[in-house]
Each structure stands twice: as C-alpha cells, then as structure tokens.
Amino acid sequence: MASTTFACGTPGLFLPRSTNTPKQSSLRFPLAAKVRAESMATEKLGIKVENNPPESKVSQLGVRQWPKWGCPPSKFPWTYSSKETCYLLEGKVKVYPDGSKDFVEIGAGDLVEFPKGMSCTWEVSVAVDKHYKFD
C-alpha cells in the first residue's frame, strides 16, 4: 500500500481498488438511506413560519376546510384583531411589522401564524391564494 500526505498534513493510505465483483450484501437495509427533509418552524419579528409542513399536519389542522382569501400584487396595512393561522397555496409576500424596517417573507407552501394585536404592512409581489383561520 502507498502512503501519502493530505493537504491538511495528515498521513493517509490509498487502498487499491478491487477488481472483484462485489457479492450480494447480507445487510437488511441498503447503506444509502433515503433522507426526508423535515419542515422546521421559525419565528421572526413575532411571526411563526413553517416551510412546507408535512401533509399529515395540514390534514390534522383541517387546513383545506378553512375559508380562502386571495389578493393581487399590492401593498396595504393590516392589523390582526385575533391570532391568524394561514396556509399559502400561492403567492409571495413581505410582511413588515409596524416599527420595524425588517420583514418576514412568506410564500407558497408556508404555514404562518400572526399574533393577535400585530399591525403590519403586506407587500404582495406574487398574487396570494391562502386558507386562513382566526382564533
């Protein structure tokens, strides 16, 4: 076997490649497993966003039975008199909470929670179609 030094300075060994045909593995599961991307909720400026929640969660919440609302690209102020949970089917929005120059961007596939009492400005760049529920 030949020895070499890697760029980071650690010695390593190169093993010659086998020309034998690999035998059937006795492992029950393949070495490479399928990885599923999990959705992850984040909170920024008081707005909770979960990107692409699993369909099981969407079904459990009954999202598809909630009322729908939509709007074309536009900019408008909004105040939440109660907590709203919504699921965006289409669209892209920058939400600017009052008193902040920062924004939260939401879009298709996002499950979003706005707290009661929040005042903000919606800047809709792609027409919105969403299911929503007020608590």
N, C-alpha and C. Protein backbone atom coordinates (compact mmCIF):
# COMPACT_ATOMS: atom_id res chain seq x y z
N MET A 1 0.83 -1.18 0.00
CA MET A 1 0.00 0.00 0.00
C MET A 1 0.87 1.24 0.00
N ALA A 2 0.42 2.26 -0.71
CA ALA A 2 1.18 3.50 -0.80
C ALA A 2 0.68 4.46 0.26
N SER A 3 1.60 5.21 0.86
CA SER A 3 1.23 6.20 1.86
C SER A 3 1.38 7.58 1.25
N THR A 4 0.54 8.49 1.64
CA THR A 4 0.61 9.85 1.13
C THR A 4 0.25 10.80 2.24
N THR A 5 0.46 12.08 2.03
CA THR A 5 0.06 13.10 3.00
C THR A 5 -0.97 13.99 2.34
N PHE A 6 -2.11 14.19 3.02
CA PHE A 6 -3.17 15.05 2.50
C PHE A 6 -2.78 16.51 2.68
N ALA A 7 -3.50 17.40 2.00
CA ALA A 7 -3.20 18.83 2.05
C ALA A 7 -3.22 19.37 3.47
N CYS A 8 -4.03 18.78 4.35
CA CYS A 8 -4.10 19.28 5.71
C CYS A 8 -2.94 18.76 6.56
N GLY A 9 -2.07 17.92 5.97
CA GLY A 9 -0.88 17.47 6.67
C GLY A 9 -1.03 16.15 7.39
N THR A 10 -2.20 15.50 7.29
CA THR A 10 -2.36 14.23 7.96
C THR A 10 -2.05 13.09 7.00
N PRO A 11 -1.30 12.10 7.48
CA PRO A 11 -0.98 10.98 6.59
C PRO A 11 -2.22 10.14 6.33
N GLY A 12 -2.31 9.55 5.16
CA GLY A 12 -3.44 8.68 4.83
C GLY A 12 -2.97 7.55 3.96
N LEU A 13 -3.80 6.57 3.75
CA LEU A 13 -3.46 5.43 2.92
C LEU A 13 -4.41 5.36 1.75
N PHE A 14 -3.86 5.04 0.57
CA PHE A 14 -4.70 4.77 -0.58
C PHE A 14 -4.80 3.27 -0.70
N LEU A 15 -6.00 2.75 -0.72
CA LEU A 15 -6.19 1.32 -0.87
C LEU A 15 -6.45 1.03 -2.33
N PRO A 16 -5.82 0.00 -2.86
CA PRO A 16 -6.04 -0.31 -4.28
C PRO A 16 -7.50 -0.71 -4.50
N ARG A 17 -8.04 -0.34 -5.64
CA ARG A 17 -9.42 -0.67 -5.99
C ARG A 17 -9.48 -2.15 -6.35
N SER A 18 -10.47 -2.84 -5.80
CA SER A 18 -10.64 -4.25 -6.07
C SER A 18 -11.24 -4.45 -7.45
N THR A 19 -10.78 -5.46 -8.15
CA THR A 19 -11.34 -5.78 -9.46
C THR A 19 -12.35 -6.91 -9.34
N ASN A 20 -12.54 -7.41 -8.12
CA ASN A 20 -13.51 -8.48 -7.91
C ASN A 20 -14.93 -7.91 -7.97
N THR A 21 -15.86 -8.71 -8.42
CA THR A 21 -17.26 -8.31 -8.45
C THR A 21 -17.80 -8.38 -7.03
N PRO A 22 -18.45 -7.33 -6.56
CA PRO A 22 -18.97 -7.38 -5.19
C PRO A 22 -20.04 -8.45 -5.04
N LYS A 23 -20.04 -9.08 -3.87
CA LYS A 23 -21.03 -10.11 -3.58
C LYS A 23 -22.29 -9.44 -3.05
N GLN A 24 -23.39 -10.17 -3.07
CA GLN A 24 -24.65 -9.66 -2.55
C GLN A 24 -24.48 -9.34 -1.07
N SER A 25 -24.91 -8.18 -0.66
CA SER A 25 -24.79 -7.75 0.73
C SER A 25 -25.74 -8.53 1.61
N SER A 26 -25.27 -8.86 2.81
CA SER A 26 -26.13 -9.56 3.76
C SER A 26 -26.86 -8.56 4.66
N LEU A 27 -26.64 -7.25 4.42
CA LEU A 27 -27.32 -6.24 5.21
C LEU A 27 -28.80 -6.21 4.89
N ARG A 28 -29.62 -6.01 5.91
CA ARG A 28 -31.06 -5.92 5.70
C ARG A 28 -31.46 -4.62 5.03
N PHE A 29 -30.73 -3.55 5.29
CA PHE A 29 -31.06 -2.25 4.74
C PHE A 29 -29.90 -1.78 3.88
N PRO A 30 -30.18 -1.07 2.81
CA PRO A 30 -29.09 -0.56 1.97
C PRO A 30 -28.25 0.45 2.74
N LEU A 31 -27.01 0.59 2.34
CA LEU A 31 -26.11 1.52 3.01
C LEU A 31 -26.55 2.96 2.84
N ALA A 32 -27.08 3.28 1.69
CA ALA A 32 -27.56 4.65 1.45
C ALA A 32 -29.04 4.69 1.79
N ALA A 33 -29.39 5.46 2.77
CA ALA A 33 -30.79 5.57 3.19
C ALA A 33 -31.42 6.80 2.57
N LYS A 34 -32.69 6.72 2.31
CA LYS A 34 -33.42 7.87 1.78
C LYS A 34 -33.59 8.87 2.92
N VAL A 35 -33.28 10.13 2.65
CA VAL A 35 -33.38 11.18 3.67
C VAL A 35 -34.60 12.03 3.34
N ARG A 36 -35.46 12.26 4.34
CA ARG A 36 -36.66 13.08 4.17
C ARG A 36 -36.41 14.43 4.81
N ALA A 37 -36.63 15.47 4.06
CA ALA A 37 -36.46 16.82 4.60
C ALA A 37 -37.62 17.11 5.54
N GLU A 38 -37.31 17.43 6.77
CA GLU A 38 -38.33 17.77 7.75
C GLU A 38 -38.60 19.27 7.69
N SER A 39 -39.85 19.64 7.88
CA SER A 39 -40.15 21.06 7.93
C SER A 39 -39.73 21.58 9.29
N MET A 40 -39.42 22.85 9.33
CA MET A 40 -38.94 23.43 10.57
C MET A 40 -39.58 24.80 10.73
N ALA A 41 -40.18 25.00 11.88
CA ALA A 41 -40.82 26.29 12.14
C ALA A 41 -39.79 27.27 12.67
N THR A 42 -39.89 28.50 12.20
CA THR A 42 -39.02 29.57 12.69
C THR A 42 -39.90 30.72 13.13
N GLU A 43 -39.35 31.58 13.97
CA GLU A 43 -40.09 32.77 14.40
C GLU A 43 -39.19 33.97 14.20
N LYS A 44 -39.74 34.98 13.55
CA LYS A 44 -39.01 36.22 13.30
C LYS A 44 -39.99 37.37 13.43
N LEU A 45 -39.63 38.36 14.23
CA LEU A 45 -40.45 39.55 14.41
C LEU A 45 -41.87 39.21 14.89
N GLY A 46 -41.99 38.11 15.64
CA GLY A 46 -43.28 37.69 16.18
C GLY A 46 -44.13 36.85 15.25
N ILE A 47 -43.64 36.59 14.03
CA ILE A 47 -44.38 35.81 13.04
C ILE A 47 -43.75 34.41 12.97
N LYS A 48 -44.57 33.38 13.16
CA LYS A 48 -44.09 31.99 13.08
C LYS A 48 -44.34 31.47 11.68
N VAL A 49 -43.30 30.87 11.08
CA VAL A 49 -43.41 30.34 9.72
C VAL A 49 -42.88 28.91 9.70
N GLU A 50 -43.67 28.00 9.15
CA GLU A 50 -43.23 26.63 8.93
C GLU A 50 -43.26 26.38 7.43
N ASN A 51 -42.08 26.16 6.85
CA ASN A 51 -41.97 25.92 5.41
C ASN A 51 -42.36 24.48 5.09
N ASN A 52 -43.26 24.33 4.16
CA ASN A 52 -43.68 23.01 3.66
C ASN A 52 -43.94 21.99 4.76
N PRO A 53 -44.94 22.25 5.60
CA PRO A 53 -45.26 21.26 6.64
C PRO A 53 -45.72 19.96 6.00
N PRO A 54 -45.54 18.83 6.69
CA PRO A 54 -45.99 17.56 6.11
C PRO A 54 -47.51 17.56 5.91
N GLU A 55 -47.96 16.86 4.91
CA GLU A 55 -49.39 16.79 4.60
C GLU A 55 -50.18 16.28 5.81
N SER A 56 -49.56 15.41 6.61
CA SER A 56 -50.25 14.91 7.80
C SER A 56 -50.61 16.05 8.76
N LYS A 57 -49.74 17.04 8.89
CA LYS A 57 -50.02 18.18 9.76
C LYS A 57 -51.12 19.06 9.16
N VAL A 58 -51.03 19.30 7.85
CA VAL A 58 -52.03 20.11 7.15
C VAL A 58 -53.41 19.47 7.31
N SER A 59 -53.48 18.14 7.16
CA SER A 59 -54.75 17.42 7.32
C SER A 59 -55.23 17.47 8.76
N GLN A 60 -54.31 17.26 9.71
CA GLN A 60 -54.67 17.25 11.13
C GLN A 60 -55.28 18.60 11.55
N LEU A 61 -54.74 19.69 11.02
CA LEU A 61 -55.25 21.03 11.34
C LEU A 61 -56.57 21.34 10.62
N GLY A 62 -56.90 20.54 9.60
CA GLY A 62 -58.12 20.79 8.83
C GLY A 62 -58.00 21.98 7.90
N VAL A 63 -56.78 22.29 7.49
CA VAL A 63 -56.50 23.48 6.67
C VAL A 63 -57.38 23.58 5.43
N ARG A 64 -57.59 22.48 4.75
CA ARG A 64 -58.34 22.52 3.48
C ARG A 64 -59.83 22.85 3.68
N GLN A 65 -60.30 22.80 4.93
CA GLN A 65 -61.69 23.19 5.23
C GLN A 65 -61.79 24.65 5.68
N TRP A 66 -60.66 25.31 5.90
CA TRP A 66 -60.68 26.72 6.30
C TRP A 66 -61.14 27.57 5.12
N PRO A 67 -61.66 28.77 5.39
CA PRO A 67 -62.02 29.68 4.29
C PRO A 67 -60.77 30.06 3.48
N LYS A 68 -61.02 30.55 2.27
CA LYS A 68 -59.92 31.00 1.41
C LYS A 68 -60.02 32.50 1.20
N TRP A 69 -58.86 33.09 0.95
CA TRP A 69 -58.75 34.52 0.65
C TRP A 69 -57.62 34.70 -0.33
N GLY A 70 -57.74 35.68 -1.17
CA GLY A 70 -56.67 35.97 -2.12
C GLY A 70 -56.63 37.44 -2.46
N CYS A 71 -55.49 37.85 -3.03
CA CYS A 71 -55.35 39.24 -3.49
C CYS A 71 -54.27 39.32 -4.57
N PRO A 72 -54.38 40.31 -5.44
CA PRO A 72 -53.37 40.52 -6.48
C PRO A 72 -52.15 41.21 -5.88
N PRO A 73 -51.07 41.35 -6.64
CA PRO A 73 -49.92 42.12 -6.14
C PRO A 73 -50.39 43.50 -5.69
N SER A 74 -49.98 43.88 -4.49
CA SER A 74 -50.43 45.14 -3.89
C SER A 74 -49.64 45.39 -2.61
N LYS A 75 -49.91 46.54 -1.99
CA LYS A 75 -49.29 46.89 -0.71
C LYS A 75 -50.38 47.52 0.15
N PHE A 76 -50.54 47.02 1.40
CA PHE A 76 -51.60 47.53 2.26
C PHE A 76 -51.28 47.27 3.73
N PRO A 77 -51.82 48.13 4.62
CA PRO A 77 -51.65 47.92 6.07
C PRO A 77 -52.67 46.90 6.57
N TRP A 78 -52.32 46.19 7.64
CA TRP A 78 -53.24 45.24 8.24
C TRP A 78 -52.97 45.12 9.73
N THR A 79 -54.04 44.98 10.52
CA THR A 79 -53.92 44.74 11.96
C THR A 79 -54.69 43.48 12.29
N TYR A 80 -54.07 42.60 13.06
CA TYR A 80 -54.69 41.33 13.45
C TYR A 80 -55.42 41.52 14.78
N SER A 81 -56.76 41.50 14.72
CA SER A 81 -57.55 41.66 15.95
C SER A 81 -57.60 40.36 16.74
N SER A 82 -57.22 39.26 16.11
CA SER A 82 -57.06 37.98 16.79
C SER A 82 -55.95 37.22 16.07
N LYS A 83 -55.49 36.15 16.69
CA LYS A 83 -54.41 35.35 16.08
C LYS A 83 -54.92 34.74 14.77
N GLU A 84 -54.09 34.81 13.73
CA GLU A 84 -54.43 34.17 12.45
C GLU A 84 -53.40 33.12 12.12
N THR A 85 -53.89 31.97 11.70
CA THR A 85 -53.04 30.92 11.13
C THR A 85 -53.46 30.80 9.68
N CYS A 86 -52.51 30.80 8.78
CA CYS A 86 -52.84 30.67 7.36
C CYS A 86 -51.86 29.74 6.66
N TYR A 87 -52.32 29.19 5.55
CA TYR A 87 -51.51 28.29 4.73
C TYR A 87 -51.56 28.83 3.31
N LEU A 88 -50.41 29.26 2.80
CA LEU A 88 -50.36 29.85 1.47
C LEU A 88 -50.29 28.78 0.39
N LEU A 89 -51.27 28.81 -0.49
CA LEU A 89 -51.29 27.90 -1.64
C LEU A 89 -50.46 28.48 -2.79
N GLU A 90 -50.54 29.80 -2.92
CA GLU A 90 -49.80 30.52 -3.96
C GLU A 90 -49.41 31.88 -3.41
N GLY A 91 -48.39 32.46 -4.00
CA GLY A 91 -48.05 33.84 -3.68
C GLY A 91 -46.70 34.03 -3.04
N LYS A 92 -46.36 35.31 -2.90
CA LYS A 92 -45.12 35.72 -2.26
C LYS A 92 -45.37 37.08 -1.63
N VAL A 93 -45.04 37.18 -0.32
CA VAL A 93 -45.36 38.39 0.44
C VAL A 93 -44.20 38.74 1.35
N LYS A 94 -43.92 40.04 1.46
CA LYS A 94 -43.02 40.55 2.50
C LYS A 94 -43.92 41.24 3.52
N VAL A 95 -43.81 40.80 4.77
CA VAL A 95 -44.63 41.37 5.85
C VAL A 95 -43.71 42.22 6.72
N TYR A 96 -44.02 43.52 6.82
CA TYR A 96 -43.24 44.47 7.60
C TYR A 96 -44.02 44.83 8.87
N PRO A 97 -43.66 44.26 10.04
CA PRO A 97 -44.35 44.67 11.26
C PRO A 97 -44.10 46.16 11.53
N ASP A 98 -45.13 46.86 12.03
CA ASP A 98 -45.01 48.28 12.35
C ASP A 98 -43.84 48.49 13.31
N GLY A 99 -43.07 49.55 13.05
CA GLY A 99 -41.93 49.88 13.90
C GLY A 99 -40.66 49.15 13.53
N SER A 100 -40.70 48.33 12.47
CA SER A 100 -39.51 47.59 12.05
C SER A 100 -39.22 47.86 10.58
N LYS A 101 -37.95 47.99 10.25
CA LYS A 101 -37.55 48.12 8.85
C LYS A 101 -37.30 46.75 8.25
N ASP A 102 -37.23 45.73 9.12
CA ASP A 102 -37.02 44.36 8.69
C ASP A 102 -38.36 43.74 8.29
N PHE A 103 -38.33 42.62 7.57
CA PHE A 103 -39.55 41.97 7.11
C PHE A 103 -39.42 40.46 7.24
N VAL A 104 -40.57 39.80 7.13
CA VAL A 104 -40.63 38.34 7.06
C VAL A 104 -41.22 38.02 5.70
N GLU A 105 -40.52 37.17 4.94
CA GLU A 105 -41.01 36.79 3.63
C GLU A 105 -41.71 35.44 3.73
N ILE A 106 -42.93 35.37 3.20
CA ILE A 106 -43.69 34.13 3.19
C ILE A 106 -44.11 33.83 1.77
N GLY A 107 -44.37 32.55 1.50
CA GLY A 107 -44.74 32.17 0.15
C GLY A 107 -45.47 30.84 0.11
N ALA A 108 -45.75 30.40 -1.09
CA ALA A 108 -46.48 29.16 -1.31
C ALA A 108 -45.88 28.02 -0.50
N GLY A 109 -46.76 27.28 0.18
CA GLY A 109 -46.32 26.14 0.98
C GLY A 109 -46.02 26.47 2.43
N ASP A 110 -46.11 27.75 2.81
CA ASP A 110 -45.82 28.15 4.19
C ASP A 110 -47.07 28.11 5.05
N LEU A 111 -46.90 27.59 6.27
CA LEU A 111 -47.93 27.66 7.31
C LEU A 111 -47.47 28.77 8.24
N VAL A 112 -48.29 29.80 8.39
CA VAL A 112 -47.87 31.03 9.07
C VAL A 112 -48.82 31.37 10.20
N GLU A 113 -48.25 31.86 11.31
CA GLU A 113 -49.06 32.31 12.44
C GLU A 113 -48.72 33.75 12.78
N PHE A 114 -49.77 34.62 12.73
CA PHE A 114 -49.63 36.02 13.08
C PHE A 114 -50.26 36.23 14.45
N PRO A 115 -49.56 36.90 15.37
CA PRO A 115 -50.10 37.08 16.72
C PRO A 115 -51.21 38.13 16.77
N LYS A 116 -52.11 37.94 17.73
CA LYS A 116 -53.17 38.91 17.99
C LYS A 116 -52.53 40.26 18.32
N GLY A 117 -53.08 41.33 17.73
CA GLY A 117 -52.61 42.67 18.01
C GLY A 117 -51.51 43.17 17.09
N MET A 118 -50.95 42.32 16.25
CA MET A 118 -49.88 42.76 15.35
C MET A 118 -50.43 43.69 14.28
N SER A 119 -49.75 44.82 14.08
CA SER A 119 -50.03 45.72 12.96
C SER A 119 -48.83 45.63 12.03
N CYS A 120 -49.10 45.58 10.73
CA CYS A 120 -48.01 45.39 9.77
C CYS A 120 -48.44 45.91 8.40
N THR A 121 -47.52 45.85 7.47
CA THR A 121 -47.80 46.17 6.08
C THR A 121 -47.48 44.93 5.25
N TRP A 122 -48.43 44.54 4.42
CA TRP A 122 -48.23 43.44 3.48
C TRP A 122 -47.80 44.02 2.14
N GLU A 123 -46.69 43.52 1.62
CA GLU A 123 -46.21 43.88 0.29
C GLU A 123 -46.26 42.60 -0.55
N VAL A 124 -47.32 42.48 -1.33
CA VAL A 124 -47.57 41.27 -2.12
C VAL A 124 -46.93 41.43 -3.50
N SER A 125 -45.94 40.59 -3.79
CA SER A 125 -45.28 40.67 -5.10
C SER A 125 -45.82 39.63 -6.09
N VAL A 126 -46.36 38.52 -5.58
CA VAL A 126 -46.99 37.49 -6.41
C VAL A 126 -48.36 37.22 -5.79
N ALA A 127 -49.41 37.24 -6.62
CA ALA A 127 -50.79 37.08 -6.14
C ALA A 127 -50.92 35.96 -5.11
N VAL A 128 -51.68 36.25 -4.06
CA VAL A 128 -51.85 35.32 -2.94
C VAL A 128 -53.16 34.56 -3.04
N ASP A 129 -53.09 33.27 -2.72
CA ASP A 129 -54.26 32.43 -2.52
C ASP A 129 -53.93 31.64 -1.26
N LYS A 130 -54.78 31.78 -0.23
CA LYS A 130 -54.45 31.13 1.05
C LYS A 130 -55.71 30.64 1.75
N HIS A 131 -55.52 29.64 2.61
CA HIS A 131 -56.52 29.22 3.58
C HIS A 131 -56.17 29.95 4.87
N TYR A 132 -57.19 30.33 5.65
CA TYR A 132 -56.90 31.05 6.89
C TYR A 132 -57.89 30.68 7.98
N LYS A 133 -57.47 30.92 9.22
CA LYS A 133 -58.32 30.66 10.39
C LYS A 133 -57.95 31.67 11.46
N PHE A 134 -58.98 32.33 12.02
CA PHE A 134 -58.77 33.24 13.15
C PHE A 134 -59.16 32.52 14.44
N ASP A 135 -58.36 32.71 15.48
CA ASP A 135 -58.66 32.12 16.79
C ASP A 135 -59.23 33.17 17.70
